[in-house]
Amino acid sequence: MKVIDRVGIIKKFGIFLFSLSLLNGTNFSKNIDPTECPKQYNCLTTFISPGSIIPGLELDLSLIKVDPPTPLDKVTLPLDKNGKFIEVKVDKNVFYYKAFWKGKEILISQFDLDINKRLRTLSNKIVQLISEPSPKASILTIIPKNILLEVIENTNPLTANVGYVKVNYNDTVGWVNRTSLSDDEYDIRYYKKNLQELVFPYAFNVKDDNLATEFKIIGKGFIVTDCKVGEFDCSATYRMGESSFGMPEEAVYFDLSVSDGKQYICEMRRVDFVGELQRVIDEHITENELDPFINCNLKEGEMEENTSDESMDTE
């Protein structure tokens, strides 16, 4: 089993290195403005999202000799004759978009871009769909509150909360003011609420299958009950922090003490809780079935000790 896992890891790392080489790109014109669309294309503009896959790994890239895009960089995406993004296959079932960035032609994953996001209309003002990204544009229609919209294009990074966002509402494509939209795809009743407010009325049953970890969280006070790691009982304390992966956001960390003497850290992000609450709204589950994603790992000191033990075993 370990040999198979290692082969899989090596293959994934190979794909990652290949992707980085694609991101490095080639010069398509020495004189072209980095933000300009080449004449032979129609293009859309968007931005690299904070917490995107490549920048978010915080790897030492000095040996790879690449200079990938960084969060908030502007990217221009050419469209084919059918108005679709130009995709290039980089591995089995893996496609990257063709793009122009800082004077280079590159390939980039859609998951690193703002256009991969969906946002909702807020209820604090009338949301106008307008003909162009300008305060002088004509009004096409009015969009009701709490409507989920896909980002087609944006004039500024979404996290800046300024400028305009192109969307499609009822088959009408237009622009909306960025401040009229939420920061994520979830119901606006959760907008701007912190984790303590979100979880207060609920109980969550969580499970990490990789480490056979499971426990129940009482939202009021993040109280942990019924804690198990495999066959062993555990206890937990919590602390608030920021997510260690994905988009930067609020997270809660549970420090688990197991009866066999081992120590674990489990991370749950705001999005993990909200995603489950959205499933309740959408009637996919009931409040008694809340089971958000959790990421558990051995504490660093114990990971090193286990690695040393495995090395001795192989010898």
C-alpha atoms as a PDB file:
ATOM      1  CA  MET A   1       0.000   0.000   0.000  1.00  0.00           C
ATOM      2  CA  LYS A   2       2.861   2.413   0.888  1.00  0.00           C
ATOM      3  CA  VAL A   3       4.553   1.770  -2.482  1.00  0.00           C
ATOM      4  CA  ILE A   4       1.299   2.605  -4.325  1.00  0.00           C
ATOM      5  CA  ASP A   5       0.871   5.778  -2.251  1.00  0.00           C
ATOM      6  CA  ARG A   6       4.429   6.878  -3.011  1.00  0.00           C
ATOM      7  CA  VAL A   7       3.962   6.315  -6.737  1.00  0.00           C
ATOM      8  CA  GLY A   8       0.789   8.414  -6.609  1.00  0.00           C
ATOM      9  CA  ILE A   9       2.567  11.188  -4.708  1.00  0.00           C
ATOM     10  CA  ILE A  10       5.465  11.196  -7.187  1.00  0.00           C
ATOM     11  CA  LYS A  11       3.026  11.410 -10.113  1.00  0.00           C
ATOM     12  CA  LYS A  12       1.115  14.298  -8.508  1.00  0.00           C
ATOM     13  CA  PHE A  13       4.359  16.144  -7.782  1.00  0.00           C
ATOM     14  CA  GLY A  14       5.400  15.631 -11.407  1.00  0.00           C
ATOM     15  CA  ILE A  15       2.122  17.178 -12.572  1.00  0.00           C
ATOM     16  CA  PHE A  16       2.676  20.055 -10.137  1.00  0.00           C
ATOM     17  CA  LEU A  17       6.157  20.748 -11.528  1.00  0.00           C
ATOM     18  CA  PHE A  18       4.807  20.567 -15.082  1.00  0.00           C
ATOM     19  CA  SER A  19       2.059  23.026 -14.153  1.00  0.00           C
ATOM     20  CA  LEU A  20       4.629  25.422 -12.711  1.00  0.00           C
ATOM     21  CA  SER A  21       6.629  25.266 -15.942  1.00  0.00           C
ATOM     22  CA  LEU A  22       3.433  26.119 -17.841  1.00  0.00           C
ATOM     23  CA  LEU A  23       2.758  29.003 -15.485  1.00  0.00           C
ATOM     24  CA  ASN A  24       6.204  30.380 -16.222  1.00  0.00           C
ATOM     25  CA  GLY A  25       4.996  30.960 -19.791  1.00  0.00           C
ATOM     26  CA  THR A  26       6.588  32.335 -22.913  1.00  0.00           C
ATOM     27  CA  ASN A  27       6.814  35.861 -24.259  1.00  0.00           C
ATOM     28  CA  PHE A  28       4.073  36.399 -26.867  1.00  0.00           C
ATOM     29  CA  SER A  29       5.159  39.944 -27.713  1.00  0.00           C
ATOM     30  CA  LYS A  30       7.925  42.104 -26.341  1.00  0.00           C
ATOM     31  CA  ASN A  31       5.982  45.282 -27.053  1.00  0.00           C
ATOM     32  CA  ILE A  32       2.488  44.302 -25.924  1.00  0.00           C
ATOM     33  CA  ASP A  33       0.971  45.871 -22.820  1.00  0.00           C
ATOM     34  CA  PRO A  34       0.764  43.095 -20.189  1.00  0.00           C
ATOM     35  CA  THR A  35      -2.932  43.875 -19.632  1.00  0.00           C
ATOM     36  CA  GLU A  36      -3.814  44.273 -23.322  1.00  0.00           C
ATOM     37  CA  CYS A  37      -5.727  41.660 -25.298  1.00  0.00           C
ATOM     38  CA  PRO A  38      -3.913  40.573 -28.492  1.00  0.00           C
ATOM     39  CA  LYS A  39      -5.736  41.746 -31.633  1.00  0.00           C
ATOM     40  CA  GLN A  40      -6.635  38.255 -32.831  1.00  0.00           C
ATOM     41  CA  TYR A  41      -8.666  37.539 -29.678  1.00  0.00           C
ATOM     42  CA  ASN A  42     -11.658  38.716 -27.704  1.00  0.00           C
ATOM     43  CA  CYS A  43     -10.713  38.629 -24.023  1.00  0.00           C
ATOM     44  CA  LEU A  44     -11.995  38.841 -20.471  1.00  0.00           C
ATOM     45  CA  THR A  45     -10.018  40.156 -17.528  1.00  0.00           C
ATOM     46  CA  THR A  46      -9.882  38.742 -14.024  1.00  0.00           C
ATOM     47  CA  PHE A  47      -7.420  38.356 -11.135  1.00  0.00           C
ATOM     48  CA  ILE A  48      -5.503  35.710  -9.207  1.00  0.00           C
ATOM     49  CA  SER A  49      -7.411  34.869  -6.027  1.00  0.00           C
ATOM     50  CA  PRO A  50      -5.766  35.026  -2.598  1.00  0.00           C
ATOM     51  CA  GLY A  51      -5.295  31.535  -1.232  1.00  0.00           C
ATOM     52  CA  SER A  52      -5.156  30.045  -4.707  1.00  0.00           C
ATOM     53  CA  ILE A  53      -3.478  26.698  -5.245  1.00  0.00           C
ATOM     54  CA  ILE A  54       0.028  27.644  -6.371  1.00  0.00           C
ATOM     55  CA  PRO A  55       0.773  30.728  -4.176  1.00  0.00           C
ATOM     56  CA  GLY A  56      -1.024  29.195  -1.176  1.00  0.00           C
ATOM     57  CA  LEU A  57       1.426  26.288  -0.883  1.00  0.00           C
ATOM     58  CA  GLU A  58       4.267  28.639   0.135  1.00  0.00           C
ATOM     59  CA  LEU A  59       6.881  26.300  -1.358  1.00  0.00           C
ATOM     60  CA  ASP A  60      10.530  27.147  -1.871  1.00  0.00           C
ATOM     61  CA  LEU A  61      10.561  27.568  -5.648  1.00  0.00           C
ATOM     62  CA  SER A  62      14.210  28.645  -5.920  1.00  0.00           C
ATOM     63  CA  LEU A  63      15.319  25.368  -7.485  1.00  0.00           C
ATOM     64  CA  ILE A  64      12.471  25.285  -9.999  1.00  0.00           C
ATOM     65  CA  LYS A  65      13.366  28.708 -11.429  1.00  0.00           C
ATOM     66  CA  VAL A  66       9.843  29.895 -12.145  1.00  0.00           C
ATOM     67  CA  ASP A  67       8.028  33.100 -11.391  1.00  0.00           C
ATOM     68  CA  PRO A  68       4.324  32.181 -11.109  1.00  0.00           C
ATOM     69  CA  PRO A  69       1.508  34.721 -10.785  1.00  0.00           C
ATOM     70  CA  THR A  70       0.809  35.936  -7.264  1.00  0.00           C
ATOM     71  CA  PRO A  71      -2.492  36.837  -5.564  1.00  0.00           C
ATOM     72  CA  LEU A  72      -4.275  39.918  -6.985  1.00  0.00           C
ATOM     73  CA  ASP A  73      -2.294  39.885 -10.260  1.00  0.00           C
ATOM     74  CA  LYS A  74      -4.391  40.802 -13.300  1.00  0.00           C
ATOM     75  CA  VAL A  75      -4.861  38.064 -15.913  1.00  0.00           C
ATOM     76  CA  THR A  76      -6.303  38.394 -19.428  1.00  0.00           C
ATOM     77  CA  LEU A  77      -8.175  35.355 -20.765  1.00  0.00           C
ATOM     78  CA  PRO A  78      -8.654  34.978 -24.539  1.00  0.00           C
ATOM     79  CA  LEU A  79     -11.889  33.462 -25.870  1.00  0.00           C
ATOM     80  CA  ASP A  80     -12.342  31.156 -28.842  1.00  0.00           C
ATOM     81  CA  LYS A  81     -14.748  31.898 -31.736  1.00  0.00           C
ATOM     82  CA  ASN A  82     -17.630  30.496 -29.654  1.00  0.00           C
ATOM     83  CA  GLY A  83     -16.895  32.817 -26.754  1.00  0.00           C
ATOM     84  CA  LYS A  84     -15.452  30.011 -24.600  1.00  0.00           C
ATOM     85  CA  PHE A  85     -12.217  29.989 -22.642  1.00  0.00           C
ATOM     86  CA  ILE A  86      -9.346  28.274 -24.472  1.00  0.00           C
ATOM     87  CA  GLU A  87      -8.485  25.132 -22.525  1.00  0.00           C
ATOM     88  CA  VAL A  88      -5.317  23.040 -22.803  1.00  0.00           C
ATOM     89  CA  LYS A  89      -5.085  19.496 -21.432  1.00  0.00           C
ATOM     90  CA  VAL A  90      -2.130  19.128 -19.035  1.00  0.00           C
ATOM     91  CA  ASP A  91      -2.989  15.685 -17.635  1.00  0.00           C
ATOM     92  CA  LYS A  92      -5.822  13.154 -17.637  1.00  0.00           C
ATOM     93  CA  ASN A  93      -9.026  15.102 -16.943  1.00  0.00           C
ATOM     94  CA  VAL A  94      -6.959  18.186 -16.032  1.00  0.00           C
ATOM     95  CA  PHE A  95      -7.374  21.300 -18.185  1.00  0.00           C
ATOM     96  CA  TYR A  96      -5.828  24.752 -17.752  1.00  0.00           C
ATOM     97  CA  TYR A  97      -6.925  28.039 -19.301  1.00  0.00           C
ATOM     98  CA  LYS A  98      -4.763  29.867 -21.793  1.00  0.00           C
ATOM     99  CA  ALA A  99      -4.037  33.363 -20.451  1.00  0.00           C
ATOM    100  CA  PHE A 100      -1.852  36.440 -20.808  1.00  0.00           C
ATOM    101  CA  TRP A 101      -0.021  37.753 -17.755  1.00  0.00           C
ATOM    102  CA  LYS A 102       2.738  40.349 -17.481  1.00  0.00           C
ATOM    103  CA  GLY A 103       3.661  40.081 -21.145  1.00  0.00           C
ATOM    104  CA  LYS A 104       3.665  36.276 -21.167  1.00  0.00           C
ATOM    105  CA  GLU A 105       1.381  33.636 -22.567  1.00  0.00           C
ATOM    106  CA  ILE A 106       0.689  31.150 -19.757  1.00  0.00           C
ATOM    107  CA  LEU A 107      -1.598  28.309 -18.720  1.00  0.00           C
ATOM    108  CA  ILE A 108      -3.399  28.574 -15.403  1.00  0.00           C
ATOM    109  CA  SER A 109      -5.962  26.621 -13.438  1.00  0.00           C
ATOM    110  CA  GLN A 110      -9.460  28.102 -13.257  1.00  0.00           C
ATOM    111  CA  PHE A 111      -9.380  27.443  -9.512  1.00  0.00           C
ATOM    112  CA  ASP A 112      -6.700  30.119  -9.096  1.00  0.00           C
ATOM    113  CA  LEU A 113      -8.937  32.813 -10.606  1.00  0.00           C
ATOM    114  CA  ASP A 114     -11.699  35.128  -9.389  1.00  0.00           C
ATOM    115  CA  ILE A 115     -13.952  33.942 -12.222  1.00  0.00           C
ATOM    116  CA  ASN A 116     -14.203  30.587 -10.447  1.00  0.00           C
ATOM    117  CA  LYS A 117     -16.215  32.325  -7.700  1.00  0.00           C
ATOM    118  CA  ARG A 118     -19.942  32.753  -7.090  1.00  0.00           C
ATOM    119  CA  LEU A 119     -21.366  35.634  -5.032  1.00  0.00           C
ATOM    120  CA  ARG A 120     -24.825  36.649  -3.801  1.00  0.00           C
ATOM    121  CA  THR A 121     -26.679  39.939  -4.015  1.00  0.00           C
ATOM    122  CA  LEU A 122     -27.058  41.706  -0.678  1.00  0.00           C
ATOM    123  CA  SER A 123     -30.180  43.228   0.803  1.00  0.00           C
ATOM    124  CA  ASN A 124     -28.737  46.558   1.948  1.00  0.00           C
ATOM    125  CA  LYS A 125     -29.372  48.337  -1.354  1.00  0.00           C
ATOM    126  CA  ILE A 126     -31.066  47.984  -4.749  1.00  0.00           C
ATOM    127  CA  VAL A 127     -28.861  45.869  -7.015  1.00  0.00           C
ATOM    128  CA  GLN A 128     -28.827  47.237 -10.545  1.00  0.00           C
ATOM    129  CA  LEU A 129     -27.673  45.228 -13.541  1.00  0.00           C
ATOM    130  CA  ILE A 130     -26.095  47.818 -15.844  1.00  0.00           C
ATOM    131  CA  SER A 131     -24.826  47.780 -19.427  1.00  0.00           C
ATOM    132  CA  GLU A 132     -21.159  48.561 -18.761  1.00  0.00           C
ATOM    133  CA  PRO A 133     -18.773  49.062 -15.821  1.00  0.00           C
ATOM    134  CA  SER A 134     -19.425  52.767 -15.445  1.00  0.00           C
ATOM    135  CA  PRO A 135     -21.574  54.997 -13.198  1.00  0.00           C
ATOM    136  CA  LYS A 136     -23.041  56.453 -16.419  1.00  0.00           C
ATOM    137  CA  ALA A 137     -24.199  53.067 -17.768  1.00  0.00           C
ATOM    138  CA  SER A 138     -27.853  52.365 -18.515  1.00  0.00           C
ATOM    139  CA  ILE A 139     -29.863  50.101 -16.197  1.00  0.00           C
ATOM    140  CA  LEU A 140     -30.790  46.746 -17.730  1.00  0.00           C
ATOM    141  CA  THR A 141     -32.831  45.377 -14.814  1.00  0.00           C
ATOM    142  CA  ILE A 142     -33.003  45.087 -11.029  1.00  0.00           C
ATOM    143  CA  ILE A 143     -31.714  41.913  -9.323  1.00  0.00           C
ATOM    144  CA  PRO A 144     -33.484  40.787  -6.111  1.00  0.00           C
ATOM    145  CA  LYS A 145     -31.561  40.162  -2.887  1.00  0.00           C
ATOM    146  CA  ASN A 146     -29.895  36.834  -2.069  1.00  0.00           C
ATOM    147  CA  ILE A 147     -29.526  35.775  -5.730  1.00  0.00           C
ATOM    148  CA  LEU A 148     -26.500  33.578  -6.501  1.00  0.00           C
ATOM    149  CA  LEU A 149     -24.446  34.868  -9.457  1.00  0.00           C
ATOM    150  CA  GLU A 150     -21.352  33.526 -11.206  1.00  0.00           C
ATOM    151  CA  VAL A 151     -18.456  35.903 -11.787  1.00  0.00           C
ATOM    152  CA  ILE A 152     -17.820  36.221 -15.550  1.00  0.00           C
ATOM    153  CA  GLU A 153     -15.309  39.058 -15.380  1.00  0.00           C
ATOM    154  CA  ASN A 154     -14.205  41.691 -12.865  1.00  0.00           C
ATOM    155  CA  THR A 155     -12.544  45.099 -13.073  1.00  0.00           C
ATOM    156  CA  ASN A 156     -10.760  44.772  -9.703  1.00  0.00           C
ATOM    157  CA  PRO A 157      -9.746  41.891  -7.416  1.00  0.00           C
ATOM    158  CA  LEU A 158     -12.873  40.607  -5.661  1.00  0.00           C
ATOM    159  CA  THR A 159     -11.230  40.934  -2.264  1.00  0.00           C
ATOM    160  CA  ALA A 160     -10.727  44.679  -2.837  1.00  0.00           C
ATOM    161  CA  ASN A 161     -14.531  45.131  -2.781  1.00  0.00           C
ATOM    162  CA  VAL A 162     -14.420  47.941  -5.360  1.00  0.00           C
ATOM    163  CA  GLY A 163     -15.205  48.272  -9.053  1.00  0.00           C
ATOM    164  CA  TYR A 164     -17.639  46.148 -11.066  1.00  0.00           C
ATOM    165  CA  VAL A 165     -18.383  42.475 -11.675  1.00  0.00           C
ATOM    166  CA  LYS A 166     -19.876  41.050 -14.892  1.00  0.00           C
ATOM    167  CA  VAL A 167     -22.677  38.507 -14.306  1.00  0.00           C
ATOM    168  CA  ASN A 168     -25.538  36.766 -16.078  1.00  0.00           C
ATOM    169  CA  TYR A 169     -28.991  37.197 -14.557  1.00  0.00           C
ATOM    170  CA  ASN A 170     -32.002  35.597 -16.276  1.00  0.00           C
ATOM    171  CA  ASP A 171     -30.066  35.374 -19.564  1.00  0.00           C
ATOM    172  CA  THR A 172     -29.141  39.051 -19.433  1.00  0.00           C
ATOM    173  CA  VAL A 173     -25.414  39.771 -19.171  1.00  0.00           C
ATOM    174  CA  GLY A 174     -24.367  42.993 -17.486  1.00  0.00           C
ATOM    175  CA  TRP A 175     -22.379  44.534 -14.670  1.00  0.00           C
ATOM    176  CA  VAL A 176     -23.099  45.089 -10.976  1.00  0.00           C
ATOM    177  CA  ASN A 177     -21.308  47.170  -8.411  1.00  0.00           C
ATOM    178  CA  ARG A 178     -18.963  44.970  -6.372  1.00  0.00           C
ATOM    179  CA  THR A 179     -20.242  46.412  -3.090  1.00  0.00           C
ATOM    180  CA  SER A 180     -23.696  45.007  -3.908  1.00  0.00           C
ATOM    181  CA  LEU A 181     -22.378  41.447  -3.661  1.00  0.00           C
ATOM    182  CA  SER A 182     -21.377  39.185  -0.805  1.00  0.00           C
ATOM    183  CA  ASP A 183     -17.903  37.694  -0.340  1.00  0.00           C
ATOM    184  CA  ASP A 184     -18.878  34.067  -0.976  1.00  0.00           C
ATOM    185  CA  GLU A 185     -21.639  31.897  -2.450  1.00  0.00           C
ATOM    186  CA  TYR A 186     -23.539  31.179   0.757  1.00  0.00           C
ATOM    187  CA  ASP A 187     -26.894  32.539   1.926  1.00  0.00           C
ATOM    188  CA  ILE A 188     -26.642  36.186   2.995  1.00  0.00           C
ATOM    189  CA  ARG A 189     -27.956  35.378   6.469  1.00  0.00           C
ATOM    190  CA  TYR A 190     -24.389  34.192   7.150  1.00  0.00           C
ATOM    191  CA  TYR A 191     -22.711  37.243   5.622  1.00  0.00           C
ATOM    192  CA  LYS A 192     -20.108  38.884   7.900  1.00  0.00           C
ATOM    193  CA  LYS A 193     -20.991  36.631  10.851  1.00  0.00           C
ATOM    194  CA  ASN A 194     -18.040  35.229  12.744  1.00  0.00           C
ATOM    195  CA  LEU A 195     -17.631  31.565  13.588  1.00  0.00           C
ATOM    196  CA  GLN A 196     -18.985  31.842  17.129  1.00  0.00           C
ATOM    197  CA  GLU A 197     -22.195  33.453  15.874  1.00  0.00           C
ATOM    198  CA  LEU A 198     -22.582  30.906  13.072  1.00  0.00           C
ATOM    199  CA  VAL A 199     -22.250  27.748  15.123  1.00  0.00           C
ATOM    200  CA  PHE A 200     -23.991  28.901  18.314  1.00  0.00           C
ATOM    201  CA  PRO A 201     -27.412  27.204  17.731  1.00  0.00           C
ATOM    202  CA  TYR A 202     -26.101  23.959  16.221  1.00  0.00           C
ATOM    203  CA  ALA A 203     -24.317  20.691  16.966  1.00  0.00           C
ATOM    204  CA  PHE A 204     -21.916  19.092  14.484  1.00  0.00           C
ATOM    205  CA  ASN A 205     -20.781  15.490  14.095  1.00  0.00           C
ATOM    206  CA  VAL A 206     -17.348  15.502  12.502  1.00  0.00           C
ATOM    207  CA  LYS A 207     -15.149  12.719  11.188  1.00  0.00           C
ATOM    208  CA  ASP A 208     -11.706  12.417   9.661  1.00  0.00           C
ATOM    209  CA  ASP A 209     -11.551   9.007   8.000  1.00  0.00           C
ATOM    210  CA  ASN A 210      -7.801   9.162   7.347  1.00  0.00           C
ATOM    211  CA  LEU A 211      -7.009   9.177  11.071  1.00  0.00           C
ATOM    212  CA  ALA A 212     -10.222   7.462  12.238  1.00  0.00           C
ATOM    213  CA  THR A 213     -11.010  10.580  14.267  1.00  0.00           C
ATOM    214  CA  GLU A 214     -14.558  11.548  15.189  1.00  0.00           C
ATOM    215  CA  PHE A 215     -16.284  13.710  17.768  1.00  0.00           C
ATOM    216  CA  LYS A 216     -19.292  15.929  18.356  1.00  0.00           C
ATOM    217  CA  ILE A 217     -19.064  19.723  18.634  1.00  0.00           C
ATOM    218  CA  ILE A 218     -21.647  21.708  20.586  1.00  0.00           C
ATOM    219  CA  GLY A 219     -21.698  25.085  18.844  1.00  0.00           C
ATOM    220  CA  LYS A 220     -22.214  27.067  22.039  1.00  0.00           C
ATOM    221  CA  GLY A 221     -18.667  27.250  23.363  1.00  0.00           C
ATOM    222  CA  PHE A 222     -17.162  24.733  20.910  1.00  0.00           C
ATOM    223  CA  ILE A 223     -17.576  21.966  23.489  1.00  0.00           C
ATOM    224  CA  VAL A 224     -16.290  18.590  22.268  1.00  0.00           C
ATOM    225  CA  THR A 225     -17.998  15.350  23.338  1.00  0.00           C
ATOM    226  CA  ASP A 226     -17.893  11.692  22.264  1.00  0.00           C
ATOM    227  CA  CYS A 227     -14.297  12.091  21.112  1.00  0.00           C
ATOM    228  CA  LYS A 228     -12.598   9.029  19.599  1.00  0.00           C
ATOM    229  CA  VAL A 229      -9.400   8.362  17.661  1.00  0.00           C
ATOM    230  CA  GLY A 230      -9.693   4.796  16.497  1.00  0.00           C
ATOM    231  CA  GLU A 231     -10.383   2.694  19.601  1.00  0.00           C
ATOM    232  CA  PHE A 232      -9.066   5.337  21.993  1.00  0.00           C
ATOM    233  CA  ASP A 233     -10.932   8.074  23.865  1.00  0.00           C
ATOM    234  CA  CYS A 234      -9.808  11.663  23.550  1.00  0.00           C
ATOM    235  CA  SER A 235     -10.431  15.100  25.032  1.00  0.00           C
ATOM    236  CA  ALA A 236     -10.152  18.454  23.279  1.00  0.00           C
ATOM    237  CA  THR A 237      -9.588  22.146  23.789  1.00  0.00           C
ATOM    238  CA  TYR A 238     -10.176  24.761  21.099  1.00  0.00           C
ATOM    239  CA  ARG A 239      -8.502  27.955  19.949  1.00  0.00           C
ATOM    240  CA  MET A 240      -9.398  30.449  17.226  1.00  0.00           C
ATOM    241  CA  GLY A 241      -7.068  31.288  14.368  1.00  0.00           C
ATOM    242  CA  GLU A 242      -6.742  31.716  10.595  1.00  0.00           C
ATOM    243  CA  SER A 243      -7.020  28.961   8.014  1.00  0.00           C
ATOM    244  CA  SER A 244      -3.776  27.222   7.046  1.00  0.00           C
ATOM    245  CA  PHE A 245      -4.947  26.385   3.506  1.00  0.00           C
ATOM    246  CA  GLY A 246      -7.405  27.655   0.902  1.00  0.00           C
ATOM    247  CA  MET A 247      -8.770  31.195   1.054  1.00  0.00           C
ATOM    248  CA  PRO A 248      -7.603  33.190   4.102  1.00  0.00           C
ATOM    249  CA  GLU A 249     -10.461  33.009   6.604  1.00  0.00           C
ATOM    250  CA  GLU A 250     -11.380  32.421  10.224  1.00  0.00           C
ATOM    251  CA  ALA A 251     -10.785  28.904  11.535  1.00  0.00           C
ATOM    252  CA  VAL A 252     -11.067  26.968  14.786  1.00  0.00           C
ATOM    253  CA  TYR A 253      -8.384  24.515  15.911  1.00  0.00           C
ATOM    254  CA  PHE A 254      -9.049  21.590  18.234  1.00  0.00           C
ATOM    255  CA  ASP A 255      -6.085  20.186  20.177  1.00  0.00           C
ATOM    256  CA  LEU A 256      -6.839  16.525  20.871  1.00  0.00           C
ATOM    257  CA  SER A 257      -5.258  14.541  23.704  1.00  0.00           C
ATOM    258  CA  VAL A 258      -5.722  10.802  23.137  1.00  0.00           C
ATOM    259  CA  SER A 259      -5.681   8.138  25.861  1.00  0.00           C
ATOM    260  CA  ASP A 260      -2.828   6.335  24.057  1.00  0.00           C
ATOM    261  CA  GLY A 261      -0.644   9.415  24.654  1.00  0.00           C
ATOM    262  CA  LYS A 262      -0.735  10.867  21.145  1.00  0.00           C
ATOM    263  CA  GLN A 263      -1.611  14.489  20.343  1.00  0.00           C
ATOM    264  CA  TYR A 264      -3.567  15.678  17.291  1.00  0.00           C
ATOM    265  CA  ILE A 265      -4.542  19.039  15.812  1.00  0.00           C
ATOM    266  CA  CYS A 266      -7.838  19.316  13.904  1.00  0.00           C
ATOM    267  CA  GLU A 267      -8.674  22.381  11.800  1.00  0.00           C
ATOM    268  CA  MET A 268     -12.136  23.526  10.716  1.00  0.00           C
ATOM    269  CA  ARG A 269     -12.547  26.648   8.598  1.00  0.00           C
ATOM    270  CA  ARG A 270     -15.486  29.017   8.454  1.00  0.00           C
ATOM    271  CA  VAL A 271     -16.335  27.724   4.975  1.00  0.00           C
ATOM    272  CA  ASP A 272     -16.542  24.156   6.323  1.00  0.00           C
ATOM    273  CA  PHE A 273     -19.279  25.159   8.763  1.00  0.00           C
ATOM    274  CA  VAL A 274     -21.142  27.476   6.391  1.00  0.00           C
ATOM    275  CA  GLY A 275     -21.085  24.916   3.607  1.00  0.00           C
ATOM    276  CA  GLU A 276     -22.992  22.477   5.819  1.00  0.00           C
ATOM    277  CA  LEU A 277     -25.491  25.131   6.956  1.00  0.00           C
ATOM    278  CA  GLN A 278     -26.145  25.930   3.293  1.00  0.00           C
ATOM    279  CA  ARG A 279     -26.976  22.263   2.709  1.00  0.00           C
ATOM    280  CA  VAL A 280     -29.649  22.558   5.406  1.00  0.00           C
ATOM    281  CA  ILE A 281     -31.148  25.607   3.657  1.00  0.00           C
ATOM    282  CA  ASP A 282     -31.114  23.727   0.356  1.00  0.00           C
ATOM    283  CA  GLU A 283     -32.859  20.806   2.132  1.00  0.00           C
ATOM    284  CA  HIS A 284     -30.111  18.343   1.240  1.00  0.00           C
ATOM    285  CA  ILE A 285     -29.687  17.417   4.918  1.00  0.00           C
ATOM    286  CA  THR A 286     -31.358  18.187   8.262  1.00  0.00           C
ATOM    287  CA  GLU A 287     -29.837  20.001  11.238  1.00  0.00           C
ATOM    288  CA  ASN A 288     -29.247  16.599  12.829  1.00  0.00           C
ATOM    289  CA  GLU A 289     -26.973  15.578   9.943  1.00  0.00           C
ATOM    290  CA  LEU A 290     -24.451  18.422  10.037  1.00  0.00           C
ATOM    291  CA  ASP A 291     -21.082  16.851   9.179  1.00  0.00           C
ATOM    292  CA  PRO A 292     -18.576  19.547   8.088  1.00  0.00           C
ATOM    293  CA  PHE A 293     -15.134  18.808   6.663  1.00  0.00           C
ATOM    294  CA  ILE A 294     -12.326  18.560   9.206  1.00  0.00           C
ATOM    295  CA  ASN A 295      -8.573  18.238   8.693  1.00  0.00           C
ATOM    296  CA  CYS A 296      -6.722  16.350  11.468  1.00  0.00           C
ATOM    297  CA  ASN A 297      -2.996  15.661  11.784  1.00  0.00           C
ATOM    298  CA  LEU A 298      -0.531  14.448  14.382  1.00  0.00           C
ATOM    299  CA  LYS A 299       1.285  17.288  16.129  1.00  0.00           C
ATOM    300  CA  GLU A 300       4.636  18.124  14.544  1.00  0.00           C
ATOM    301  CA  GLY A 301       6.837  16.551  17.249  1.00  0.00           C
ATOM    302  CA  GLU A 302       4.926  13.287  17.052  1.00  0.00           C
ATOM    303  CA  MET A 303       5.051  13.282  13.247  1.00  0.00           C
ATOM    304  CA  GLU A 304       8.869  13.490  13.403  1.00  0.00           C
ATOM    305  CA  GLU A 305       8.998  10.712  16.000  1.00  0.00           C
ATOM    306  CA  ASN A 306       6.748   8.460  13.884  1.00  0.00           C
ATOM    307  CA  THR A 307       8.877   9.123  10.809  1.00  0.00           C
ATOM    308  CA  SER A 308      12.015   8.119  12.720  1.00  0.00           C
ATOM    309  CA  ASP A 309      10.332   4.935  13.951  1.00  0.00           C
ATOM    310  CA  GLU A 310       9.306   4.014  10.392  1.00  0.00           C
ATOM    311  CA  SER A 311      12.867   4.570   9.159  1.00  0.00           C
ATOM    312  CA  MET A 312      14.224   2.260  11.853  1.00  0.00           C
ATOM    313  CA  ASP A 313      11.640  -0.374  10.945  1.00  0.00           C
ATOM    314  CA  THR A 314      12.697  -0.344   7.278  1.00  0.00           C
ATOM    315  CA  GLU A 315      16.337  -0.765   8.275  1.00  0.00           C
END
